[in-house]
Amino acid sequence: MNYLFINCSKNKNGVTSELGKTVLKGMKSDKLHLADYSIKQIDQEHDKRTDQFKEVFAQFKEADVILIGTPVYWSSMTGYLKTFIDRFTDVIDENVEGKEVYLIVQGTAPEDAIPFIEHVIKHVCHRFNMKYKGFVQNKEAAKRLNKIL
């Protein structure tokens, strides 16, 4: 199994990243921090040499199990994650069927944001025939998921 953790936080070493490490502890996995990449907004004029969406998507496509982590910013997912999802329009015909997708949502009282964020991820999974497997929001849940994976 190829595991990929996508950290959608501006902070590479924050709580979101720590929860991702806890889930994937002891497993060979790759991780990427969307903050390290230049992913342009959908339909924005951009220089294809500086836009890195396809580079990130190539890593996504190689993984069997994908763990997407986002802190809650203003009652929603981060802009990094939303932009990445919006750009799936560019790869609408790509085959990512069967990939397992887990979600990490964390922040101060993220409960109000989780249903919205989860709805969007479920929608993307449904559209691309991936399997949404659930979410983690704290260290205890991250440890439980580690044992399952």
N, C-alpha and C. Protein backbone atom coordinates (compact mmCIF):
# COMPACT_ATOMS: atom_id res chain seq x y z
N MET A 1 0.84 -1.19 0.00
CA MET A 1 0.00 0.00 0.00
C MET A 1 0.87 1.24 0.00
N ASN A 2 0.50 2.20 -0.81
CA ASN A 2 1.17 3.50 -0.83
C ASN A 2 0.31 4.49 -0.07
N TYR A 3 0.87 5.06 1.00
CA TYR A 3 0.16 6.02 1.83
C TYR A 3 0.68 7.41 1.54
N LEU A 4 -0.25 8.38 1.47
CA LEU A 4 0.12 9.77 1.25
C LEU A 4 -0.64 10.65 2.23
N PHE A 5 0.09 11.49 2.94
CA PHE A 5 -0.53 12.49 3.81
C PHE A 5 -0.39 13.84 3.12
N ILE A 6 -1.51 14.51 2.91
CA ILE A 6 -1.52 15.85 2.33
C ILE A 6 -1.87 16.82 3.45
N ASN A 7 -0.90 17.60 3.86
CA ASN A 7 -1.10 18.60 4.91
C ASN A 7 -1.55 19.90 4.25
N CYS A 8 -2.76 20.32 4.58
CA CYS A 8 -3.34 21.52 3.97
C CYS A 8 -3.28 22.72 4.91
N SER A 9 -2.42 22.64 5.90
CA SER A 9 -2.22 23.74 6.83
C SER A 9 -1.07 24.62 6.37
N LYS A 10 -1.09 25.87 6.80
CA LYS A 10 0.06 26.74 6.52
C LYS A 10 1.25 26.34 7.38
N ASN A 11 1.00 25.59 8.44
CA ASN A 11 2.02 25.21 9.41
C ASN A 11 2.46 23.77 9.17
N LYS A 12 3.70 23.60 8.74
CA LYS A 12 4.22 22.26 8.44
C LYS A 12 4.40 21.40 9.69
N ASN A 13 4.53 22.02 10.84
CA ASN A 13 4.79 21.27 12.07
C ASN A 13 3.72 21.48 13.13
N GLY A 14 2.52 21.80 12.70
CA GLY A 14 1.43 22.08 13.63
C GLY A 14 0.65 20.83 14.02
N VAL A 15 -0.50 21.04 14.59
CA VAL A 15 -1.35 19.96 15.08
C VAL A 15 -1.82 19.06 13.94
N THR A 16 -2.19 19.63 12.81
CA THR A 16 -2.63 18.82 11.66
C THR A 16 -1.53 17.86 11.25
N SER A 17 -0.32 18.36 11.14
CA SER A 17 0.82 17.53 10.77
C SER A 17 1.08 16.45 11.82
N GLU A 18 0.98 16.80 13.07
CA GLU A 18 1.19 15.82 14.15
C GLU A 18 0.15 14.71 14.10
N LEU A 19 -1.10 15.06 13.84
CA LEU A 19 -2.13 14.04 13.73
C LEU A 19 -1.86 13.12 12.53
N GLY A 20 -1.40 13.69 11.44
CA GLY A 20 -1.03 12.87 10.28
C GLY A 20 0.09 11.91 10.61
N LYS A 21 1.10 12.39 11.32
CA LYS A 21 2.21 11.53 11.74
C LYS A 21 1.73 10.41 12.65
N THR A 22 0.79 10.72 13.54
CA THR A 22 0.26 9.71 14.46
C THR A 22 -0.49 8.63 13.68
N VAL A 23 -1.31 9.03 12.73
CA VAL A 23 -2.04 8.04 11.93
C VAL A 23 -1.08 7.13 11.18
N LEU A 24 -0.03 7.69 10.60
CA LEU A 24 0.85 6.93 9.73
C LEU A 24 2.11 6.40 10.42
N LYS A 25 2.15 6.49 11.74
CA LYS A 25 3.31 6.03 12.50
C LYS A 25 3.60 4.56 12.21
N GLY A 26 4.86 4.29 11.88
CA GLY A 26 5.29 2.92 11.61
C GLY A 26 5.02 2.45 10.18
N MET A 27 4.44 3.31 9.36
CA MET A 27 4.13 2.95 7.98
C MET A 27 5.03 3.73 7.03
N LYS A 28 5.38 3.08 5.94
CA LYS A 28 6.12 3.80 4.90
C LYS A 28 5.10 4.69 4.20
N SER A 29 5.34 5.98 4.24
CA SER A 29 4.38 6.92 3.65
C SER A 29 5.10 8.14 3.10
N ASP A 30 4.40 8.82 2.23
CA ASP A 30 4.89 10.10 1.70
C ASP A 30 4.01 11.18 2.28
N LYS A 31 4.56 12.38 2.37
CA LYS A 31 3.74 13.50 2.79
C LYS A 31 4.11 14.71 1.97
N LEU A 32 3.11 15.53 1.80
CA LEU A 32 3.38 16.79 1.13
C LEU A 32 2.60 17.88 1.83
N HIS A 33 3.18 19.05 1.81
CA HIS A 33 2.58 20.23 2.42
C HIS A 33 2.14 21.14 1.28
N LEU A 34 0.84 21.33 1.13
CA LEU A 34 0.36 22.15 0.02
C LEU A 34 0.95 23.56 0.07
N ALA A 35 1.32 24.03 1.25
CA ALA A 35 1.91 25.36 1.37
C ALA A 35 3.25 25.47 0.64
N ASP A 36 3.87 24.33 0.34
CA ASP A 36 5.15 24.33 -0.38
C ASP A 36 4.98 24.41 -1.89
N TYR A 37 3.75 24.35 -2.36
CA TYR A 37 3.49 24.31 -3.79
C TYR A 37 2.71 25.53 -4.24
N SER A 38 2.93 25.90 -5.48
CA SER A 38 2.18 26.99 -6.09
C SER A 38 1.07 26.38 -6.93
N ILE A 39 -0.14 26.40 -6.38
CA ILE A 39 -1.30 25.89 -7.10
C ILE A 39 -2.23 27.06 -7.33
N LYS A 40 -2.40 27.40 -8.57
CA LYS A 40 -3.19 28.58 -8.94
C LYS A 40 -4.68 28.29 -8.84
N GLN A 41 -5.46 29.34 -8.70
CA GLN A 41 -6.91 29.22 -8.66
C GLN A 41 -7.44 28.68 -9.99
N ILE A 42 -8.57 28.03 -9.93
CA ILE A 42 -9.20 27.49 -11.14
C ILE A 42 -9.46 28.61 -12.15
N ASP A 43 -9.13 28.33 -13.39
CA ASP A 43 -9.33 29.25 -14.52
C ASP A 43 -8.56 30.56 -14.41
N GLN A 44 -7.66 30.65 -13.48
CA GLN A 44 -6.82 31.84 -13.37
C GLN A 44 -5.74 31.75 -14.44
N GLU A 45 -5.47 32.85 -15.07
CA GLU A 45 -4.35 32.87 -16.01
C GLU A 45 -3.08 32.57 -15.22
N HIS A 46 -2.36 31.57 -15.67
CA HIS A 46 -1.13 31.24 -14.97
C HIS A 46 -0.09 30.67 -15.93
N ASP A 47 1.11 30.80 -15.52
CA ASP A 47 2.23 30.26 -16.27
C ASP A 47 2.35 28.79 -15.88
N LYS A 48 2.16 27.91 -16.83
CA LYS A 48 2.19 26.47 -16.56
C LYS A 48 3.53 26.03 -15.97
N ARG A 49 4.56 26.81 -16.16
CA ARG A 49 5.86 26.45 -15.59
C ARG A 49 5.90 26.67 -14.09
N THR A 50 5.06 27.57 -13.58
CA THR A 50 5.09 27.85 -12.14
C THR A 50 3.92 27.21 -11.39
N ASP A 51 2.90 26.75 -12.09
CA ASP A 51 1.78 26.09 -11.44
C ASP A 51 2.15 24.63 -11.18
N GLN A 52 1.98 24.18 -9.95
CA GLN A 52 2.43 22.85 -9.57
C GLN A 52 1.28 21.88 -9.27
N PHE A 53 0.08 22.19 -9.71
CA PHE A 53 -1.05 21.29 -9.45
C PHE A 53 -0.78 19.90 -9.99
N LYS A 54 -0.34 19.79 -11.22
CA LYS A 54 -0.14 18.47 -11.82
C LYS A 54 0.93 17.67 -11.09
N GLU A 55 1.93 18.34 -10.56
CA GLU A 55 2.97 17.67 -9.77
C GLU A 55 2.36 17.07 -8.50
N VAL A 56 1.52 17.85 -7.83
CA VAL A 56 0.86 17.36 -6.61
C VAL A 56 -0.12 16.25 -6.97
N PHE A 57 -0.90 16.44 -8.03
CA PHE A 57 -1.87 15.43 -8.42
C PHE A 57 -1.19 14.12 -8.79
N ALA A 58 -0.01 14.17 -9.39
CA ALA A 58 0.72 12.94 -9.73
C ALA A 58 1.02 12.13 -8.47
N GLN A 59 1.38 12.82 -7.38
CA GLN A 59 1.62 12.12 -6.12
C GLN A 59 0.32 11.55 -5.57
N PHE A 60 -0.75 12.30 -5.68
CA PHE A 60 -2.07 11.85 -5.26
C PHE A 60 -2.44 10.58 -6.02
N LYS A 61 -2.23 10.60 -7.31
CA LYS A 61 -2.61 9.48 -8.17
C LYS A 61 -1.83 8.21 -7.85
N GLU A 62 -0.60 8.34 -7.38
CA GLU A 62 0.24 7.18 -7.07
C GLU A 62 -0.16 6.49 -5.76
N ALA A 63 -0.84 7.20 -4.88
CA ALA A 63 -1.17 6.66 -3.56
C ALA A 63 -2.40 5.75 -3.62
N ASP A 64 -2.41 4.78 -2.72
CA ASP A 64 -3.58 3.91 -2.54
C ASP A 64 -4.48 4.44 -1.44
N VAL A 65 -3.83 4.96 -0.39
CA VAL A 65 -4.54 5.51 0.76
C VAL A 65 -4.09 6.95 0.93
N ILE A 66 -5.05 7.86 0.98
CA ILE A 66 -4.76 9.29 1.06
C ILE A 66 -5.37 9.85 2.33
N LEU A 67 -4.55 10.50 3.10
CA LEU A 67 -4.98 11.16 4.33
C LEU A 67 -4.87 12.66 4.09
N ILE A 68 -6.00 13.34 4.11
CA ILE A 68 -6.05 14.78 3.86
C ILE A 68 -6.27 15.48 5.19
N GLY A 69 -5.35 16.35 5.57
CA GLY A 69 -5.47 17.06 6.84
C GLY A 69 -5.67 18.54 6.66
N THR A 70 -6.69 19.08 7.34
CA THR A 70 -6.93 20.52 7.28
C THR A 70 -7.31 21.05 8.65
N PRO A 71 -6.70 22.14 9.07
CA PRO A 71 -7.26 22.83 10.23
C PRO A 71 -8.50 23.60 9.78
N VAL A 72 -9.27 24.03 10.74
CA VAL A 72 -10.46 24.82 10.44
C VAL A 72 -10.06 26.30 10.43
N TYR A 73 -10.29 26.94 9.30
CA TYR A 73 -10.08 28.38 9.16
C TYR A 73 -11.45 29.01 8.88
N TRP A 74 -11.91 29.87 9.71
CA TRP A 74 -13.17 30.57 9.51
C TRP A 74 -14.32 29.61 9.20
N SER A 75 -14.43 28.59 10.02
CA SER A 75 -15.50 27.59 9.94
C SER A 75 -15.49 26.76 8.67
N SER A 76 -14.32 26.57 8.08
CA SER A 76 -14.23 25.77 6.86
C SER A 76 -12.83 25.21 6.68
N MET A 77 -12.63 24.52 5.57
CA MET A 77 -11.31 24.01 5.21
C MET A 77 -10.40 25.17 4.83
N THR A 78 -9.13 24.91 4.77
CA THR A 78 -8.19 25.95 4.35
C THR A 78 -8.34 26.25 2.86
N GLY A 79 -7.87 27.41 2.49
CA GLY A 79 -7.85 27.78 1.08
C GLY A 79 -6.97 26.85 0.27
N TYR A 80 -5.89 26.35 0.88
CA TYR A 80 -5.01 25.41 0.19
C TYR A 80 -5.82 24.19 -0.28
N LEU A 81 -6.62 23.64 0.62
CA LEU A 81 -7.41 22.46 0.26
C LEU A 81 -8.49 22.81 -0.75
N LYS A 82 -9.18 23.90 -0.56
CA LYS A 82 -10.26 24.28 -1.47
C LYS A 82 -9.72 24.50 -2.88
N THR A 83 -8.60 25.17 -3.01
CA THR A 83 -8.00 25.40 -4.33
C THR A 83 -7.60 24.07 -4.97
N PHE A 84 -7.00 23.18 -4.18
CA PHE A 84 -6.61 21.87 -4.70
C PHE A 84 -7.83 21.12 -5.21
N ILE A 85 -8.91 21.11 -4.45
CA ILE A 85 -10.14 20.44 -4.87
C ILE A 85 -10.71 21.10 -6.12
N ASP A 86 -10.76 22.42 -6.16
CA ASP A 86 -11.28 23.12 -7.34
C ASP A 86 -10.53 22.71 -8.60
N ARG A 87 -9.25 22.51 -8.48
CA ARG A 87 -8.42 22.18 -9.64
C ARG A 87 -8.64 20.75 -10.15
N PHE A 88 -9.40 19.93 -9.41
CA PHE A 88 -9.74 18.61 -9.93
C PHE A 88 -10.51 18.72 -11.24
N THR A 89 -11.06 19.87 -11.50
CA THR A 89 -11.71 20.12 -12.79
C THR A 89 -10.73 19.89 -13.94
N ASP A 90 -9.45 20.15 -13.69
CA ASP A 90 -8.42 19.97 -14.71
C ASP A 90 -8.12 18.50 -15.00
N VAL A 91 -8.52 17.62 -14.09
CA VAL A 91 -8.18 16.20 -14.23
C VAL A 91 -9.44 15.33 -14.19
N ILE A 92 -10.52 15.88 -14.67
CA ILE A 92 -11.83 15.25 -14.56
C ILE A 92 -11.84 13.84 -15.18
N ASP A 93 -11.00 13.58 -16.16
CA ASP A 93 -10.97 12.28 -16.82
C ASP A 93 -9.90 11.33 -16.29
N GLU A 94 -9.17 11.75 -15.29
CA GLU A 94 -8.14 10.89 -14.70
C GLU A 94 -8.78 9.79 -13.87
N ASN A 95 -8.16 8.63 -13.86
CA ASN A 95 -8.68 7.50 -13.10
C ASN A 95 -8.00 7.42 -11.73
N VAL A 96 -8.76 7.70 -10.70
CA VAL A 96 -8.28 7.55 -9.32
C VAL A 96 -9.23 6.63 -8.54
N GLU A 97 -9.98 5.84 -9.29
CA GLU A 97 -10.99 4.95 -8.73
C GLU A 97 -10.40 4.01 -7.67
N GLY A 98 -11.15 3.84 -6.60
CA GLY A 98 -10.80 2.88 -5.56
C GLY A 98 -9.86 3.38 -4.48
N LYS A 99 -9.30 4.56 -4.63
CA LYS A 99 -8.43 5.08 -3.58
C LYS A 99 -9.22 5.28 -2.30
N GLU A 100 -8.60 5.00 -1.18
CA GLU A 100 -9.23 5.23 0.11
C GLU A 100 -8.82 6.60 0.61
N VAL A 101 -9.80 7.38 1.05
CA VAL A 101 -9.54 8.75 1.50
C VAL A 101 -10.02 8.91 2.94
N TYR A 102 -9.12 9.38 3.77
CA TYR A 102 -9.42 9.72 5.16
C TYR A 102 -9.20 11.21 5.32
N LEU A 103 -9.86 11.77 6.30
CA LEU A 103 -9.81 13.21 6.53
C LEU A 103 -9.41 13.50 7.97
N ILE A 104 -8.53 14.46 8.15
CA ILE A 104 -8.22 15.00 9.48
C ILE A 104 -8.76 16.42 9.49
N VAL A 105 -9.61 16.71 10.47
CA VAL A 105 -10.11 18.07 10.65
C VAL A 105 -9.84 18.42 12.10
N GLN A 106 -9.09 19.47 12.31
CA GLN A 106 -8.77 19.86 13.68
C GLN A 106 -8.80 21.36 13.83
N GLY A 107 -8.95 21.78 15.06
CA GLY A 107 -8.98 23.20 15.38
C GLY A 107 -9.74 23.38 16.68
N THR A 108 -9.92 24.60 17.08
CA THR A 108 -10.69 24.88 18.28
C THR A 108 -12.16 24.66 17.96
N ALA A 109 -12.74 23.63 18.58
CA ALA A 109 -14.15 23.27 18.38
C ALA A 109 -14.52 23.19 16.90
N PRO A 110 -13.95 22.22 16.16
CA PRO A 110 -14.22 22.14 14.72
C PRO A 110 -15.55 21.49 14.37
N GLU A 111 -16.33 21.12 15.37
CA GLU A 111 -17.56 20.36 15.12
C GLU A 111 -18.50 21.03 14.12
N ASP A 112 -18.61 22.36 14.16
CA ASP A 112 -19.51 23.03 13.23
C ASP A 112 -19.00 22.99 11.79
N ALA A 113 -17.69 22.86 11.61
CA ALA A 113 -17.12 22.85 10.27
C ALA A 113 -17.04 21.44 9.67
N ILE A 114 -16.98 20.44 10.51
CA ILE A 114 -16.77 19.07 10.03
C ILE A 114 -17.83 18.64 9.02
N PRO A 115 -19.13 18.85 9.27
CA PRO A 115 -20.12 18.38 8.28
C PRO A 115 -19.93 18.99 6.89
N PHE A 116 -19.60 20.27 6.83
CA PHE A 116 -19.38 20.92 5.54
C PHE A 116 -18.15 20.35 4.85
N ILE A 117 -17.05 20.29 5.57
CA ILE A 117 -15.79 19.79 4.98
C ILE A 117 -15.97 18.34 4.54
N GLU A 118 -16.58 17.56 5.40
CA GLU A 118 -16.80 16.15 5.07
C GLU A 118 -17.72 16.01 3.84
N HIS A 119 -18.73 16.85 3.75
CA HIS A 119 -19.63 16.82 2.59
C HIS A 119 -18.85 17.04 1.28
N VAL A 120 -17.96 18.00 1.28
CA VAL A 120 -17.17 18.30 0.07
C VAL A 120 -16.28 17.12 -0.28
N ILE A 121 -15.59 16.55 0.71
CA ILE A 121 -14.69 15.42 0.45
C ILE A 121 -15.49 14.21 -0.04
N LYS A 122 -16.65 13.96 0.59
CA LYS A 122 -17.50 12.85 0.12
C LYS A 122 -17.93 13.07 -1.32
N HIS A 123 -18.27 14.31 -1.66
CA HIS A 123 -18.69 14.62 -3.03
C HIS A 123 -17.57 14.34 -4.03
N VAL A 124 -16.37 14.78 -3.71
CA VAL A 124 -15.22 14.54 -4.59
C VAL A 124 -14.98 13.03 -4.72
N CYS A 125 -15.03 12.33 -3.61
CA CYS A 125 -14.82 10.87 -3.64
C CYS A 125 -15.87 10.19 -4.51
N HIS A 126 -17.10 10.60 -4.35
CA HIS A 126 -18.18 10.01 -5.15
C HIS A 126 -17.96 10.28 -6.64
N ARG A 127 -17.63 11.50 -6.98
CA ARG A 127 -17.44 11.89 -8.38
C ARG A 127 -16.31 11.11 -9.05
N PHE A 128 -15.24 10.83 -8.26
CA PHE A 128 -14.07 10.16 -8.81
C PHE A 128 -13.99 8.68 -8.43
N ASN A 129 -15.08 8.14 -7.89
CA ASN A 129 -15.14 6.72 -7.51
C ASN A 129 -14.06 6.31 -6.52
N MET A 130 -13.77 7.22 -5.59
CA MET A 130 -12.87 6.89 -4.48
C MET A 130 -13.73 6.52 -3.28
N LYS A 131 -13.10 5.94 -2.28
CA LYS A 131 -13.81 5.47 -1.09
C LYS A 131 -13.51 6.39 0.09
N TYR A 132 -14.49 7.18 0.49
CA TYR A 132 -14.32 8.00 1.70
C TYR A 132 -14.49 7.09 2.90
N LYS A 133 -13.50 7.11 3.81
CA LYS A 133 -13.48 6.15 4.91
C LYS A 133 -13.73 6.77 6.29
N GLY A 134 -13.77 8.10 6.39
CA GLY A 134 -14.05 8.72 7.67
C GLY A 134 -13.05 9.79 8.06
N PHE A 135 -13.25 10.36 9.26
CA PHE A 135 -12.40 11.46 9.69
C PHE A 135 -11.86 11.24 11.09
N VAL A 136 -10.80 11.98 11.36
CA VAL A 136 -10.12 12.01 12.65
C VAL A 136 -10.10 13.46 13.09
N GLN A 137 -10.31 13.72 14.38
CA GLN A 137 -10.20 15.10 14.83
C GLN A 137 -9.36 15.27 16.09
N ASN A 138 -8.82 14.17 16.61
CA ASN A 138 -7.97 14.28 17.80
C ASN A 138 -6.96 13.13 17.84
N LYS A 139 -6.05 13.21 18.79
CA LYS A 139 -4.96 12.24 18.86
C LYS A 139 -5.45 10.82 19.14
N GLU A 140 -6.46 10.68 19.98
CA GLU A 140 -6.98 9.35 20.29
C GLU A 140 -7.54 8.68 19.04
N ALA A 141 -8.30 9.43 18.25
CA ALA A 141 -8.85 8.90 17.00
C ALA A 141 -7.74 8.59 16.00
N ALA A 142 -6.69 9.41 15.99
CA ALA A 142 -5.55 9.17 15.10
C ALA A 142 -4.85 7.86 15.47
N LYS A 143 -4.71 7.59 16.75
CA LYS A 143 -4.09 6.34 17.20
C LYS A 143 -4.96 5.13 16.81
N ARG A 144 -6.28 5.27 16.94
CA ARG A 144 -7.18 4.18 16.55
C ARG A 144 -7.07 3.90 15.04
N LEU A 145 -7.03 4.97 14.24
CA LEU A 145 -6.92 4.77 12.80
C LEU A 145 -5.59 4.13 12.45
N ASN A 146 -4.53 4.49 13.15
CA ASN A 146 -3.23 3.87 12.92
C ASN A 146 -3.31 2.36 13.08
N LYS A 147 -4.02 1.90 14.08
CA LYS A 147 -4.15 0.45 14.31
C LYS A 147 -4.98 -0.22 13.22
N ILE A 148 -5.95 0.50 12.67
CA ILE A 148 -6.78 -0.05 11.60
C ILE A 148 -5.98 -0.18 10.30
N LEU A 149 -5.19 0.86 10.02
CA LEU A 149 -4.43 0.85 8.77
C LEU A 149 -3.25 -0.09 8.85
